[in-house]
Amino acid sequence: MDKQKISRLLEYLILIFGGILMLIPFLWMLDTALKSGSEAMTIPPVIIPKKLQWMNFVLAWHAAPFLRYFINSVIVTVITTCGQLLTTILAAYAFAKLEFYGKKIVFMICLTTMMVPGEMLIIPNFITLSKFHMINTYYALIIPWLASFFAVFTLRQTFMSIPDEIYYSAKIDGAGDWYFLWHMLVPLAKPTIIALAALEIINSWNSFMWPLIVTNSDKMRTLPVGLSNFTTDAGTQFQLLMAASTIIIIPMLLVYIFLQKYIIAGVSRSGLKG
């Protein structure tokens, strides 16, 4: 028992140490957001500000049209996530349960696209969208991200873990493929679908490079791009930059808190009992 207690204690200490390391950047961001301009630029850095500058959050919000950026981020994140889930569910179902000519070949071709770095697709996507006059529109921010084969591959594995006997029983009872998918298969794969939705929400909300490239006005820019307003030729206003970053992170923290139990369920779920 003593060895088990020591081993368990070491595990907890390692986890606590790792948790502290992960929290340090967030604590430093919040600490900098509450400093004055001179304290944020001081070297060596000031750990505890003399006076908490809560007005930094108000100044940061009004330093740029962040309300417009926030609305754009919400629109892009919601539509992208819903669209990607729809294409993912349909494609994963086709590859997992349906039989059609060339199924394995098509799947392997799609699988190879995961080996292509995303940076290589920026220029082709930009040229394609510019040909259709979609630059600086919601179409440019949304359309390229309505499908993800990583999500398709992940959900396909979950669908394949569900016994085919359930599918055949549903067919015998007169259920069509559409009914079986939405009323039986999707509820059984709910933890995985929610985990994929959470990943897409975070990726879409934090996306910086693509919105920066395809937008050229404040009317269409998103929150991460809006942070560049605090960096000018005269320097960077670190206290306002950190305050704005804190505001941007809060929605993602709420999303994680709300979806945490579903994500854990998706990870811990080992299979189905037949």
Protein backbone atom coordinates (compact mmCIF):
# COMPACT_ATOMS: atom_id res chain seq x y z
CA MET A 1 0.00 0.00 0.00
CA ASP A 2 2.89 2.37 0.76
CA LYS A 3 4.31 1.90 -2.72
CA GLN A 4 0.88 2.46 -4.24
CA LYS A 5 0.42 5.66 -2.23
CA ILE A 6 3.84 6.95 -3.26
CA SER A 7 3.15 6.10 -6.89
CA ARG A 8 -0.24 7.82 -6.75
CA LEU A 9 1.34 10.86 -5.05
CA LEU A 10 3.97 11.12 -7.79
CA GLU A 11 1.24 10.93 -10.43
CA TYR A 12 -0.68 13.76 -8.78
CA LEU A 13 2.48 15.87 -8.43
CA ILE A 14 3.30 15.40 -12.12
CA LEU A 15 -0.26 16.30 -13.12
CA ILE A 16 -0.27 19.36 -10.86
CA PHE A 17 3.09 20.48 -12.27
CA GLY A 18 1.82 20.04 -15.84
CA GLY A 19 -1.37 21.93 -14.99
CA ILE A 20 0.62 24.83 -13.54
CA LEU A 21 2.81 25.00 -16.66
CA MET A 22 -0.31 25.19 -18.83
CA LEU A 23 -1.86 27.92 -16.66
CA ILE A 24 1.23 30.17 -16.58
CA PRO A 25 0.63 31.73 -20.07
CA PHE A 26 -3.01 32.48 -19.22
CA LEU A 27 -2.13 33.95 -15.83
CA TRP A 28 0.60 36.08 -17.42
CA MET A 29 -1.87 37.30 -20.06
CA LEU A 30 -4.38 38.32 -17.38
CA ASP A 31 -1.63 39.89 -15.28
CA THR A 32 -0.39 41.97 -18.23
CA ALA A 33 -3.95 43.00 -19.08
CA LEU A 34 -4.22 44.60 -15.62
CA LYS A 35 -0.97 46.58 -15.84
CA SER A 36 -0.39 50.15 -16.89
CA GLY A 37 1.40 50.90 -20.15
CA SER A 38 4.70 51.60 -18.42
CA GLU A 39 4.51 48.44 -16.27
CA ALA A 40 3.78 46.28 -19.33
CA MET A 41 6.99 47.54 -20.98
CA THR A 42 9.25 47.35 -17.92
CA ILE A 43 12.30 45.06 -18.02
CA PRO A 44 12.69 43.05 -15.83
CA PRO A 45 8.91 42.56 -15.89
CA VAL A 46 6.65 43.66 -13.08
CA ILE A 47 4.91 40.59 -11.63
CA ILE A 48 2.21 42.30 -9.57
CA PRO A 49 0.88 45.65 -10.85
CA LYS A 50 0.75 48.48 -8.33
CA LYS A 51 -2.83 49.26 -9.33
CA LEU A 52 -5.18 47.00 -11.24
CA GLN A 53 -6.09 48.71 -14.51
CA TRP A 54 -9.58 47.33 -15.16
CA MET A 55 -10.17 50.13 -17.65
CA ASN A 56 -7.79 48.34 -20.04
CA PHE A 57 -10.64 46.01 -21.00
CA VAL A 58 -12.94 48.93 -21.84
CA LEU A 59 -10.18 50.73 -23.76
CA ALA A 60 -9.31 47.57 -25.67
CA TRP A 61 -12.95 46.94 -26.64
CA HIS A 62 -13.35 50.49 -27.97
CA ALA A 63 -9.91 50.68 -29.63
CA ALA A 64 -11.31 48.88 -32.69
CA PRO A 65 -14.76 47.80 -33.93
CA PHE A 66 -14.65 44.64 -31.81
CA LEU A 67 -18.41 44.30 -31.75
CA ARG A 68 -18.33 43.88 -35.53
CA TYR A 69 -15.40 41.47 -35.24
CA PHE A 70 -17.32 39.50 -32.61
CA ILE A 71 -20.43 39.23 -34.79
CA ASN A 72 -18.31 38.09 -37.76
CA SER A 73 -16.55 35.46 -35.64
CA VAL A 74 -19.86 34.12 -34.32
CA ILE A 75 -21.40 33.92 -37.80
CA VAL A 76 -18.36 32.21 -39.33
CA THR A 77 -17.91 29.80 -36.41
CA VAL A 78 -21.58 28.72 -36.23
CA ILE A 79 -22.06 28.24 -39.99
CA THR A 80 -18.69 26.55 -40.47
CA THR A 81 -19.27 24.14 -37.59
CA CYS A 82 -22.80 23.23 -38.65
CA GLY A 83 -21.79 22.82 -42.28
CA GLN A 84 -18.76 20.73 -41.45
CA LEU A 85 -20.77 18.46 -39.14
CA LEU A 86 -23.35 17.90 -41.88
CA THR A 87 -20.77 16.96 -44.53
CA THR A 88 -18.82 14.89 -42.01
CA ILE A 89 -21.83 12.85 -40.88
CA LEU A 90 -22.98 12.14 -44.44
CA ALA A 91 -19.51 11.23 -45.74
CA ALA A 92 -18.62 9.13 -42.70
CA TYR A 93 -21.89 7.20 -43.02
CA ALA A 94 -21.26 6.53 -46.70
CA PHE A 95 -17.73 5.25 -46.08
CA ALA A 96 -18.70 3.22 -43.01
CA LYS A 97 -22.02 1.56 -43.86
CA LEU A 98 -22.86 1.95 -47.55
CA GLU A 99 -21.46 -0.07 -50.43
CA PHE A 100 -20.71 1.61 -53.75
CA TYR A 101 -18.31 1.15 -56.65
CA GLY A 102 -14.81 2.47 -55.98
CA LYS A 103 -15.48 3.04 -52.29
CA LYS A 104 -12.00 2.01 -51.11
CA ILE A 105 -10.24 3.93 -53.88
CA VAL A 106 -12.18 7.12 -53.17
CA PHE A 107 -11.51 6.74 -49.45
CA MET A 108 -7.76 6.30 -50.00
CA ILE A 109 -7.62 9.32 -52.32
CA CYS A 110 -9.40 11.44 -49.72
CA LEU A 111 -7.13 10.05 -47.01
CA THR A 112 -4.03 11.21 -48.87
CA THR A 113 -5.30 14.80 -48.69
CA MET A 114 -4.54 14.71 -44.96
CA MET A 115 -0.84 14.51 -45.85
CA VAL A 116 -0.93 17.86 -47.68
CA PRO A 117 0.07 20.79 -45.40
CA GLY A 118 -2.71 23.32 -45.05
CA GLU A 119 -0.33 26.15 -45.95
CA MET A 120 0.02 24.72 -49.47
CA LEU A 121 -3.72 25.20 -50.06
CA ILE A 122 -3.81 28.89 -49.17
CA ILE A 123 -2.73 30.20 -52.58
CA PRO A 124 -4.91 27.83 -54.70
CA ASN A 125 -7.94 28.55 -52.50
CA PHE A 126 -7.32 32.29 -52.65
CA ILE A 127 -7.00 32.25 -56.46
CA THR A 128 -10.16 30.15 -56.81
CA LEU A 129 -12.20 32.44 -54.57
CA SER A 130 -10.88 35.55 -56.30
CA LYS A 131 -12.01 34.13 -59.67
CA PHE A 132 -15.53 33.92 -58.24
CA HIS A 133 -15.27 37.42 -56.70
CA MET A 134 -15.70 36.10 -53.18
CA ILE A 135 -12.78 37.90 -51.51
CA ASN A 136 -13.80 40.00 -48.50
CA THR A 137 -17.10 38.16 -48.12
CA TYR A 138 -18.54 35.56 -45.75
CA TYR A 139 -18.26 33.03 -48.57
CA ALA A 140 -14.46 33.27 -48.48
CA LEU A 141 -14.41 32.81 -44.72
CA ILE A 142 -16.80 29.85 -44.68
CA ILE A 143 -16.79 27.77 -47.88
CA PRO A 144 -13.21 26.38 -47.72
CA TRP A 145 -13.85 24.96 -44.23
CA LEU A 146 -17.20 23.27 -44.75
CA ALA A 147 -15.51 19.88 -45.06
CA SER A 148 -12.69 18.19 -43.17
CA PHE A 149 -11.53 14.70 -43.97
CA PHE A 150 -9.88 14.42 -40.57
CA ALA A 151 -13.35 14.73 -39.06
CA VAL A 152 -14.75 12.30 -41.65
CA PHE A 153 -12.05 9.73 -40.85
CA THR A 154 -12.58 10.08 -37.08
CA LEU A 155 -16.37 9.74 -37.28
CA ARG A 156 -16.09 6.87 -39.78
CA GLN A 157 -14.10 4.90 -37.21
CA THR A 158 -16.84 5.49 -34.65
CA PHE A 159 -19.58 4.45 -37.10
CA MET A 160 -17.63 1.30 -37.99
CA SER A 161 -17.41 0.33 -34.31
CA ILE A 162 -21.22 0.15 -34.21
CA PRO A 163 -22.22 -3.44 -35.09
CA ASP A 164 -23.63 -4.01 -38.57
CA GLU A 165 -26.33 -6.18 -36.98
CA ILE A 166 -28.03 -2.97 -35.81
CA TYR A 167 -28.03 -1.68 -39.38
CA TYR A 168 -29.41 -4.93 -40.80
CA SER A 169 -32.08 -5.14 -38.08
CA ALA A 170 -33.20 -1.63 -38.88
CA LYS A 171 -33.40 -2.45 -42.59
CA ILE A 172 -35.49 -5.54 -41.85
CA ASP A 173 -37.86 -3.40 -39.75
CA GLY A 174 -38.34 -1.14 -42.76
CA ALA A 175 -36.06 1.75 -41.74
CA GLY A 176 -34.36 3.56 -44.61
CA ASP A 177 -30.74 4.70 -44.64
CA TRP A 178 -31.74 8.29 -43.86
CA TYR A 179 -33.85 7.26 -40.87
CA PHE A 180 -31.18 4.87 -39.56
CA LEU A 181 -28.50 7.55 -39.82
CA TRP A 182 -30.28 10.35 -37.97
CA HIS A 183 -32.36 8.37 -35.47
CA MET A 184 -29.98 5.55 -34.55
CA LEU A 185 -26.42 6.07 -35.73
CA VAL A 186 -25.99 9.75 -34.84
CA PRO A 187 -27.35 9.35 -31.26
CA LEU A 188 -24.97 6.43 -30.69
CA ALA A 189 -22.03 8.52 -31.91
CA LYS A 190 -23.09 11.68 -30.04
CA PRO A 191 -19.90 12.00 -27.89
CA THR A 192 -17.62 11.81 -30.93
CA ILE A 193 -19.75 14.29 -32.90
CA ILE A 194 -19.75 16.77 -30.03
CA ALA A 195 -15.97 16.40 -29.62
CA LEU A 196 -15.50 17.12 -33.34
CA ALA A 197 -17.83 20.11 -33.05
CA ALA A 198 -15.81 21.47 -30.14
CA LEU A 199 -12.57 21.14 -32.11
CA GLU A 200 -14.06 22.94 -35.10
CA ILE A 201 -15.48 25.72 -32.93
CA ILE A 202 -12.06 26.32 -31.39
CA ASN A 203 -10.24 26.16 -34.74
CA SER A 204 -12.70 28.48 -36.45
CA TRP A 205 -12.81 30.97 -33.59
CA ASN A 206 -9.00 31.15 -33.35
CA SER A 207 -8.32 31.20 -37.10
CA PHE A 208 -6.00 34.06 -38.00
CA MET A 209 -4.05 33.49 -41.22
CA TRP A 210 -6.96 32.77 -43.58
CA PRO A 211 -9.25 35.64 -42.41
CA LEU A 212 -6.26 37.99 -42.60
CA ILE A 213 -5.64 37.03 -46.23
CA VAL A 214 -9.19 37.03 -47.59
CA THR A 215 -10.49 40.15 -45.82
CA ASN A 216 -9.40 43.72 -46.43
CA SER A 217 -11.90 45.78 -44.41
CA ASP A 218 -13.03 46.02 -40.80
CA LYS A 219 -16.52 45.07 -41.92
CA MET A 220 -15.50 41.44 -42.59
CA ARG A 221 -12.60 40.83 -40.20
CA THR A 222 -12.81 38.46 -37.24
CA LEU A 223 -11.58 38.76 -33.65
CA PRO A 224 -8.07 37.24 -34.03
CA VAL A 225 -7.34 39.57 -36.95
CA GLY A 226 -8.64 42.49 -34.90
CA LEU A 227 -5.80 41.98 -32.40
CA SER A 228 -3.39 43.36 -34.99
CA ASN A 229 -4.86 46.83 -34.29
CA PHE A 230 -2.72 47.00 -31.16
CA THR A 231 0.51 46.61 -33.13
CA THR A 232 1.60 49.67 -35.07
CA ASP A 233 4.83 51.24 -36.33
CA ALA A 234 5.10 53.01 -32.98
CA GLY A 235 5.11 49.70 -31.09
CA THR A 236 2.72 47.31 -29.40
CA GLN A 237 0.32 48.22 -26.61
CA PHE A 238 0.80 44.98 -24.71
CA GLN A 239 -1.64 45.78 -21.90
CA LEU A 240 -4.48 46.42 -24.36
CA LEU A 241 -3.46 43.47 -26.53
CA MET A 242 -3.62 41.12 -23.53
CA ALA A 243 -6.92 42.62 -22.40
CA ALA A 244 -8.45 42.04 -25.84
CA SER A 245 -7.00 38.50 -25.92
CA THR A 246 -8.63 37.77 -22.57
CA ILE A 247 -12.01 38.92 -23.89
CA ILE A 248 -11.63 36.71 -26.96
CA ILE A 249 -10.73 33.62 -24.90
CA ILE A 250 -13.75 33.83 -22.58
CA PRO A 251 -16.28 32.36 -25.11
CA MET A 252 -13.98 29.38 -25.73
CA LEU A 253 -13.69 28.75 -22.00
CA LEU A 254 -17.48 28.71 -21.74
CA VAL A 255 -17.71 26.31 -24.69
CA TYR A 256 -15.20 23.97 -23.05
CA ILE A 257 -16.98 24.09 -19.68
CA PHE A 258 -20.33 23.36 -21.34
CA LEU A 259 -19.03 20.51 -23.54
CA GLN A 260 -16.51 19.04 -21.10
CA LYS A 261 -18.64 16.11 -19.95
CA TYR A 262 -19.47 15.17 -23.56
CA ILE A 263 -15.81 15.32 -24.61
CA ILE A 264 -14.75 13.14 -21.66
CA ALA A 265 -17.56 10.70 -22.48
CA GLY A 266 -16.32 10.49 -26.07
CA VAL A 267 -12.78 9.74 -24.93
CA SER A 268 -13.68 7.27 -22.19
CA ARG A 269 -16.25 5.36 -24.20
CA SER A 270 -14.63 2.13 -25.29
CA GLY A 271 -17.40 0.55 -27.35
CA LEU A 272 -20.89 -0.89 -27.41
CA LYS A 273 -22.23 -4.02 -25.78
CA GLY A 274 -24.04 -6.11 -28.32
